Amino acid sequence: MSLRVVVVDDSGFFRRRIVEILNADIGIEVVGTAANGQEAIEVVKRLNPDVVTMDIEMPVMDGITAVRRIMAESPRPILMFSTLTTEGAKATLDALDAGAMDFLPKRFSEMAKDEDSAKILLRRRVRALGRTRLTRPAATAPLDRPVLSGAAPQAAPARAAAPRLSPSATPLNSLRAVLIGTSTGGPVALQEVLKGLPKSFPLPIILVQHMPASFTPAFAERLNNLCQIDVKEAVSGDVLKPGSALLAPGGVQLILEGGAQPRVRIEESPPGTIYKPSVDITFRSAAAALRSQVLAVVLTGMGADGREGARELKSNGAHVWAQDAASCVVFGMPAAVIDAGLADQILPLKEVGPALVKGFC
């Protein structure tokens, strides 16, 4: 059965282009469109789609308000289209806070190196979100926060699950850094994890989130305002400090350097690199610089970025945690780590922060 999609945008031209691109996939069917947020709410209620694509700036009702209403009344995965500007970044982060699952640039030229690649990326992201099941929020939960139930790929039942260990089951003595890698669903997941850490958290934290260069400054600022620990976008030469998190800048790579006082180096990506920043590249640099003295945490995300870096970390004696399927927006990156037998712990998102506190504080 085809994935049913509703496309929301005030531009008739953009609506037609999105419909054309999605309908070219035999596994996707656009069942309706809307020109503003108010129409979107009504169309979603009437047609009950599996996924919604949503513009942000629209007349009558903007996309953020529409997302909040949809997620309160009839939750489903929503993909935002955003402009890659400072204001666009802030609005997109607001939309993710309201319950949207993922986002892509508004212009196809900003999505990939050519239009064909951009079309493939859009279809892939919509299909990934289509595997996410949402239920109505619990009565005690905020109305704008859906309850996630991440659907694993069809092969998931054959997955040999790693043991779900208690935080104390993994020895965490003598570690020098915590590394967290994530992609789709990561902005909200990182907020959930980091908000629970005290200012006195004794280790430095490195964050690698798949995100455009224009978004990471606003995201780092948002995290810093929400958290007790200090959060900033990393620059070359930044020293790793306890109770401080460095966010990898978008569009480039964050490399860890060892020594008595570990620090980061920001550099351009090797030719052919898909993810900028890449979890694998940062994890591999940590394996070389800090060897066993690292805890790597892989959260929600599409694809397998982080698996090979986690493999190198494990081969050096480091520890690896992965988010569980039920709490992931997209169970791709954690699944890749788990399938490879690299996860020392598999934890629901809500338990990752408390496990870090219990393990280190």
Protein backbone atom coordinates (compact mmCIF):
# COMPACT_ATOMS: atom_id res chain seq x y z
CA MET A 1 0.00 0.00 0.00
CA SER A 2 1.32 3.45 -0.93
CA LEU A 3 2.37 6.00 1.64
CA ARG A 4 -0.32 8.73 1.74
CA VAL A 5 1.01 12.31 1.83
CA VAL A 6 -0.52 15.79 2.13
CA VAL A 7 1.52 18.71 0.75
CA VAL A 8 1.10 22.15 2.35
CA ASP A 9 2.53 25.31 0.78
CA ASP A 10 1.13 28.72 -0.18
CA SER A 11 3.05 28.64 -3.47
CA GLY A 12 1.06 26.85 -6.16
CA PHE A 13 4.25 26.28 -8.13
CA PHE A 14 6.03 24.64 -5.18
CA ARG A 15 2.99 22.51 -4.34
CA ARG A 16 2.87 21.20 -7.90
CA ARG A 17 6.60 20.42 -7.90
CA ILE A 18 6.43 18.51 -4.60
CA VAL A 19 3.36 16.58 -5.77
CA GLU A 20 5.10 15.69 -9.04
CA ILE A 21 8.29 14.54 -7.30
CA LEU A 22 6.52 12.44 -4.67
CA ASN A 23 4.02 10.87 -7.05
CA ALA A 24 6.91 9.69 -9.25
CA ASP A 25 7.67 7.18 -6.46
CA ILE A 26 5.39 4.15 -6.81
CA GLY A 27 5.40 3.78 -3.03
CA ILE A 28 4.09 7.32 -2.39
CA GLU A 29 0.73 8.90 -3.23
CA VAL A 30 -0.09 12.57 -2.63
CA VAL A 31 -3.73 12.45 -1.55
CA GLY A 32 -4.27 16.16 -0.94
CA THR A 33 -2.81 19.67 -0.78
CA ALA A 34 -3.39 22.84 1.21
CA ALA A 35 -2.38 26.47 0.70
CA ASN A 36 -2.14 27.52 4.37
CA GLY A 37 -2.05 26.14 7.87
CA GLN A 38 -5.78 26.37 8.49
CA GLU A 39 -6.53 24.41 5.33
CA ALA A 40 -3.85 21.90 6.33
CA ILE A 41 -5.57 21.12 9.63
CA GLU A 42 -8.86 20.46 7.85
CA VAL A 43 -7.31 18.41 5.03
CA VAL A 44 -5.31 16.27 7.47
CA LYS A 45 -8.43 15.52 9.52
CA ARG A 46 -10.39 14.60 6.40
CA LEU A 47 -7.78 12.55 4.53
CA ASN A 48 -5.77 11.04 7.42
CA PRO A 49 -2.40 10.98 5.58
CA ASP A 50 0.67 9.09 6.76
CA VAL A 51 3.00 12.09 6.30
CA VAL A 52 2.57 15.86 5.86
CA THR A 53 5.05 18.22 4.18
CA MET A 54 4.66 21.74 5.57
CA ASP A 55 5.87 25.20 4.63
CA ILE A 56 6.60 27.63 7.46
CA GLU A 57 5.64 31.09 6.20
CA MET A 58 2.03 31.07 4.93
CA PRO A 59 -1.00 33.41 5.10
CA VAL A 60 -4.03 32.79 7.33
CA MET A 61 -2.09 30.38 9.58
CA ASP A 62 1.68 29.78 9.61
CA GLY A 63 3.24 26.33 9.54
CA ILE A 64 4.40 26.32 13.17
CA THR A 65 0.90 26.98 14.48
CA ALA A 66 -0.49 24.35 12.12
CA VAL A 67 2.07 21.78 13.30
CA ARG A 68 1.16 22.45 16.93
CA ARG A 69 -2.56 21.99 16.17
CA ILE A 70 -2.08 18.85 14.08
CA MET A 71 0.16 17.22 16.66
CA ALA A 72 -2.35 17.98 19.42
CA GLU A 73 -5.43 16.81 17.52
CA SER A 74 -4.30 14.14 15.03
CA PRO A 75 -0.56 13.44 15.39
CA ARG A 76 1.43 12.28 12.38
CA PRO A 77 4.97 12.78 11.00
CA ILE A 78 5.50 16.25 9.53
CA LEU A 79 8.41 17.33 7.31
CA MET A 80 9.08 21.08 7.29
CA PHE A 81 10.40 23.06 4.32
CA SER A 82 12.61 25.88 5.55
CA THR A 83 14.71 28.71 4.17
CA LEU A 84 18.40 28.43 5.08
CA THR A 85 18.62 31.78 6.87
CA THR A 86 19.07 32.76 10.50
CA GLU A 87 15.37 33.49 10.84
CA GLY A 88 14.54 30.34 8.89
CA ALA A 89 16.69 28.33 11.29
CA LYS A 90 14.94 29.72 14.36
CA ALA A 91 11.51 29.12 12.82
CA THR A 92 12.43 25.56 11.88
CA LEU A 93 13.65 24.83 15.40
CA ASP A 94 10.35 26.22 16.70
CA ALA A 95 8.53 23.86 14.33
CA LEU A 96 10.55 20.89 15.61
CA ASP A 97 9.73 21.91 19.17
CA ALA A 98 6.07 22.02 18.15
CA GLY A 99 6.27 18.41 17.02
CA ALA A 100 7.59 18.35 13.43
CA MET A 101 9.85 15.36 12.80
CA ASP A 102 12.29 16.59 10.14
CA PHE A 103 13.11 19.45 7.79
CA LEU A 104 14.60 20.15 4.36
CA PRO A 105 15.67 23.35 2.58
CA LYS A 106 12.91 25.12 0.66
CA ARG A 107 14.94 25.40 -2.55
CA PHE A 108 15.94 22.17 -4.29
CA SER A 109 19.31 23.71 -5.21
CA GLU A 110 20.14 23.75 -1.49
CA MET A 111 19.11 20.12 -0.89
CA ALA A 112 21.68 18.33 -3.02
CA LYS A 113 24.28 18.76 -5.73
CA ASP A 114 21.71 18.35 -8.51
CA GLU A 115 17.95 18.24 -8.88
CA ASP A 116 17.78 14.47 -9.36
CA SER A 117 19.64 13.94 -6.08
CA ALA A 118 17.30 16.41 -4.38
CA LYS A 119 14.26 14.48 -5.61
CA ILE A 120 15.68 11.22 -4.30
CA LEU A 121 16.48 12.84 -0.95
CA LEU A 122 12.95 14.20 -0.57
CA ARG A 123 11.37 10.82 -1.34
CA ARG A 124 13.77 9.04 1.01
CA ARG A 125 13.00 11.41 3.89
CA VAL A 126 9.25 11.11 3.35
CA ARG A 127 9.48 7.31 3.25
CA ALA A 128 11.57 7.28 6.44
CA LEU A 129 9.01 9.41 8.26
CA GLY A 130 6.24 7.20 6.93
CA ARG A 131 7.64 4.34 9.00
CA THR A 132 7.13 6.36 12.21
CA ARG A 133 3.93 5.64 14.12
CA LEU A 134 2.45 8.32 16.37
CA THR A 135 -0.21 8.05 19.03
CA ARG A 136 -2.22 10.68 20.84
CA PRO A 137 -0.25 12.33 23.68
CA ALA A 138 -0.83 10.96 27.15
CA ALA A 139 -3.06 13.07 29.37
CA THR A 140 -0.10 14.15 31.45
CA ALA A 141 2.07 15.09 28.46
CA PRO A 142 2.21 18.55 26.86
CA LEU A 143 -0.29 18.75 24.00
CA ASP A 144 2.39 19.79 21.53
CA ARG A 145 4.62 16.80 22.17
CA PRO A 146 3.65 13.54 20.43
CA VAL A 147 4.35 10.13 21.86
CA LEU A 148 6.74 8.40 19.48
CA SER A 149 6.73 4.79 18.49
CA GLY A 150 9.51 4.34 15.97
CA ALA A 151 8.81 1.59 13.47
CA ALA A 152 11.87 -0.44 12.61
CA PRO A 153 12.50 -1.64 9.05
CA GLN A 154 10.77 -4.85 7.98
CA ALA A 155 13.85 -6.90 8.79
CA ALA A 156 13.79 -5.69 12.39
CA PRO A 157 12.11 -8.78 13.91
CA ALA A 158 15.21 -10.82 13.04
CA ARG A 159 17.49 -8.30 14.79
CA ALA A 160 19.56 -9.82 17.55
CA ALA A 161 18.99 -7.28 20.29
CA ALA A 162 21.83 -6.34 22.56
CA PRO A 163 21.13 -6.66 26.27
CA ARG A 164 19.46 -3.62 27.81
CA LEU A 165 21.86 -3.00 30.66
CA SER A 166 21.49 -0.77 33.67
CA PRO A 167 23.67 2.37 33.68
CA SER A 168 25.90 0.87 36.33
CA ALA A 169 26.55 -2.23 34.18
CA THR A 170 28.98 -0.33 31.97
CA PRO A 171 32.16 0.77 33.82
CA LEU A 172 32.65 4.49 33.22
CA ASN A 173 35.77 5.25 35.20
CA SER A 174 38.52 7.39 33.71
CA LEU A 175 36.52 8.63 30.74
CA ARG A 176 37.47 12.00 29.26
CA ALA A 177 34.53 12.85 26.98
CA VAL A 178 30.98 12.01 25.95
CA LEU A 179 30.22 12.04 22.22
CA ILE A 180 26.63 12.19 20.95
CA GLY A 181 25.72 11.65 17.30
CA THR A 182 22.26 12.07 15.77
CA SER A 183 20.27 13.11 12.71
CA THR A 184 16.50 13.02 12.04
CA GLY A 185 14.72 13.80 15.30
CA GLY A 186 18.01 14.85 16.86
CA PRO A 187 17.25 18.48 17.78
CA VAL A 188 14.44 17.46 20.12
CA ALA A 189 16.33 14.37 21.32
CA LEU A 190 19.42 16.41 22.22
CA GLN A 191 17.30 18.88 24.14
CA GLU A 192 15.75 16.01 26.09
CA VAL A 193 19.14 14.55 27.00
CA LEU A 194 21.05 17.74 27.77
CA LYS A 195 18.35 19.52 29.78
CA GLY A 196 18.72 16.89 32.50
CA LEU A 197 22.45 17.37 33.00
CA PRO A 198 23.60 19.53 35.95
CA LYS A 199 26.01 22.42 35.49
CA SER A 200 28.52 20.37 37.50
CA PHE A 201 28.51 17.52 34.93
CA PRO A 202 32.15 16.40 35.13
CA LEU A 203 32.87 15.60 31.47
CA PRO A 204 33.01 17.60 28.24
CA ILE A 205 30.43 16.70 25.58
CA ILE A 206 30.76 16.74 21.80
CA LEU A 207 27.53 16.95 19.77
CA VAL A 208 27.30 15.95 16.11
CA GLN A 209 23.91 16.70 14.55
CA HIS A 210 23.26 16.51 10.80
CA MET A 211 22.31 20.12 10.15
CA PRO A 212 23.07 22.89 7.62
CA ALA A 213 25.74 25.48 8.42
CA SER A 214 23.17 28.26 8.76
CA PHE A 215 21.28 26.31 11.42
CA THR A 216 23.95 25.22 13.88
CA PRO A 217 24.61 28.68 15.45
CA ALA A 218 20.91 29.10 16.26
CA PHE A 219 20.67 25.53 17.53
CA ALA A 220 23.70 25.92 19.79
CA GLU A 221 22.23 29.14 21.18
CA ARG A 222 18.90 27.44 21.83
CA LEU A 223 20.53 24.54 23.65
CA ASN A 224 22.61 26.92 25.74
CA ASN A 225 19.48 28.81 26.79
CA LEU A 226 17.64 25.59 27.70
CA CYS A 227 20.42 23.74 29.52
CA GLN A 228 22.35 24.15 32.76
CA ILE A 229 25.58 23.13 31.04
CA ASP A 230 27.23 25.56 28.62
CA VAL A 231 26.66 24.86 24.92
CA LYS A 232 28.35 26.60 22.00
CA GLU A 233 29.09 25.99 18.34
CA ALA A 234 32.63 24.64 18.13
CA VAL A 235 35.51 26.54 16.51
CA SER A 236 39.04 25.31 15.89
CA GLY A 237 41.12 25.39 19.04
CA ASP A 238 38.22 25.00 21.48
CA VAL A 239 39.39 23.07 24.53
CA LEU A 240 37.19 20.31 25.97
CA LYS A 241 35.90 21.46 29.37
CA PRO A 242 33.79 19.73 32.03
CA GLY A 243 30.15 20.86 32.05
CA SER A 244 30.45 22.22 28.53
CA ALA A 245 29.15 20.93 25.19
CA LEU A 246 30.55 21.77 21.76
CA LEU A 247 28.22 21.45 18.75
CA ALA A 248 29.86 20.50 15.46
CA PRO A 249 29.28 23.28 12.89
CA GLY A 250 27.23 22.41 9.83
CA GLY A 251 28.95 21.99 6.49
CA VAL A 252 32.33 20.95 7.90
CA GLN A 253 33.88 18.28 10.14
CA LEU A 254 34.79 18.29 13.82
CA ILE A 255 38.05 16.48 14.63
CA LEU A 256 39.14 15.65 18.17
CA GLU A 257 42.78 16.08 19.09
CA GLY A 258 44.27 14.36 22.14
CA GLY A 259 47.00 15.31 24.56
CA ALA A 260 46.97 16.61 28.11
CA GLN A 261 44.23 19.08 27.17
CA PRO A 262 42.06 17.67 24.34
CA ARG A 263 40.71 20.19 21.86
CA VAL A 264 38.83 20.28 18.57
CA ARG A 265 39.83 21.16 15.04
CA ILE A 266 37.33 22.18 12.37
CA GLU A 267 38.20 21.22 8.83
CA GLU A 268 36.69 20.79 5.38
CA SER A 269 35.20 17.44 4.43
CA PRO A 270 37.10 14.83 2.43
CA PRO A 271 35.82 14.48 -1.18
CA GLY A 272 32.70 12.36 -1.41
CA THR A 273 31.66 12.84 2.23
CA ILE A 274 27.87 12.59 2.50
CA TYR A 275 27.31 14.01 5.98
CA LYS A 276 28.65 17.41 6.99
CA PRO A 277 29.19 17.08 9.89
CA SER A 278 29.72 13.32 10.00
CA VAL A 279 29.34 11.27 13.17
CA ASP A 280 31.72 8.65 11.77
CA ILE A 281 34.48 11.20 11.19
CA THR A 282 34.23 12.66 14.69
CA PHE A 283 33.99 9.22 16.34
CA ARG A 284 37.02 7.98 14.41
CA SER A 285 39.05 11.01 15.45
CA ALA A 286 38.05 10.34 19.06
CA ALA A 287 39.19 6.72 18.72
CA ALA A 288 42.62 7.96 17.65
CA ALA A 289 42.85 10.83 20.14
CA LEU A 290 41.23 9.42 23.28
CA ARG A 291 41.09 5.68 22.55
CA SER A 292 39.13 3.92 25.33
CA GLN A 293 38.38 7.07 27.35
CA VAL A 294 35.15 7.87 25.52
CA LEU A 295 31.45 7.17 25.83
CA ALA A 296 29.73 7.42 22.43
CA VAL A 297 25.93 7.76 22.29
CA VAL A 298 24.04 7.26 19.02
CA LEU A 299 20.54 8.75 18.95
CA THR A 300 17.69 8.82 16.43
CA GLY A 301 18.56 9.31 12.77
CA MET A 302 18.21 8.00 9.23
CA GLY A 303 21.01 5.94 7.70
CA ALA A 304 24.05 4.40 9.37
CA ASP A 305 26.34 7.35 10.13
CA GLY A 306 28.18 6.57 13.38
CA ARG A 307 28.36 2.80 12.97
CA GLU A 308 31.91 2.61 11.59
CA GLY A 309 33.16 5.26 13.99
CA ALA A 310 31.57 3.33 16.85
CA ARG A 311 33.29 0.19 15.58
CA GLU A 312 36.70 1.91 15.82
CA LEU A 313 35.88 3.25 19.27
CA LYS A 314 34.84 -0.22 20.47
CA SER A 315 38.02 -1.76 19.06
CA ASN A 316 39.94 0.67 21.28
CA GLY A 317 37.92 -0.25 24.37
CA ALA A 318 35.47 2.66 24.38
CA HIS A 319 31.82 2.37 25.43
CA VAL A 320 28.82 2.80 23.10
CA TRP A 321 25.16 3.44 23.93
CA ALA A 322 22.26 3.47 21.45
CA GLN A 323 18.72 4.80 21.63
CA ASP A 324 16.00 2.16 21.47
CA ALA A 325 13.59 1.73 18.57
CA ALA A 326 10.42 2.74 20.40
CA SER A 327 11.65 6.24 21.26
CA CYS A 328 13.37 7.03 17.93
CA VAL A 329 11.84 9.25 15.29
CA VAL A 330 13.81 7.18 12.75
CA PHE A 331 15.45 3.99 13.96
CA GLY A 332 18.31 4.01 11.47
CA MET A 333 21.58 5.13 13.05
CA PRO A 334 20.99 3.38 16.39
CA ALA A 335 19.77 0.25 14.59
CA ALA A 336 22.98 0.15 12.54
CA VAL A 337 25.06 0.26 15.74
CA ILE A 338 22.91 -2.37 17.45
CA ASP A 339 22.87 -4.69 14.44
CA ALA A 340 26.67 -4.54 14.31
CA GLY A 341 26.82 -5.72 17.94
CA LEU A 342 28.46 -2.49 19.11
CA ALA A 343 25.96 -1.25 21.71
CA ASP A 344 26.84 -1.77 25.38
CA GLN A 345 23.47 -0.30 26.32
CA ILE A 346 20.16 0.29 24.52
CA LEU A 347 18.14 2.97 26.26
CA PRO A 348 14.85 4.83 25.76
CA LEU A 349 15.50 8.51 25.06
CA LYS A 350 14.07 9.64 28.40
CA GLU A 351 16.61 7.45 30.23
CA VAL A 352 19.76 8.62 28.43
CA GLY A 353 20.18 11.83 30.43
CA PRO A 354 19.50 10.18 33.80
CA ALA A 355 21.92 7.37 32.89
CA LEU A 356 24.63 9.94 32.17
CA VAL A 357 23.97 11.65 35.49
CA LYS A 358 24.00 8.33 37.38
CA GLY A 359 27.15 7.20 35.63
CA PHE A 360 29.21 10.36 36.11
CA CYS A 361 27.76 12.56 38.85
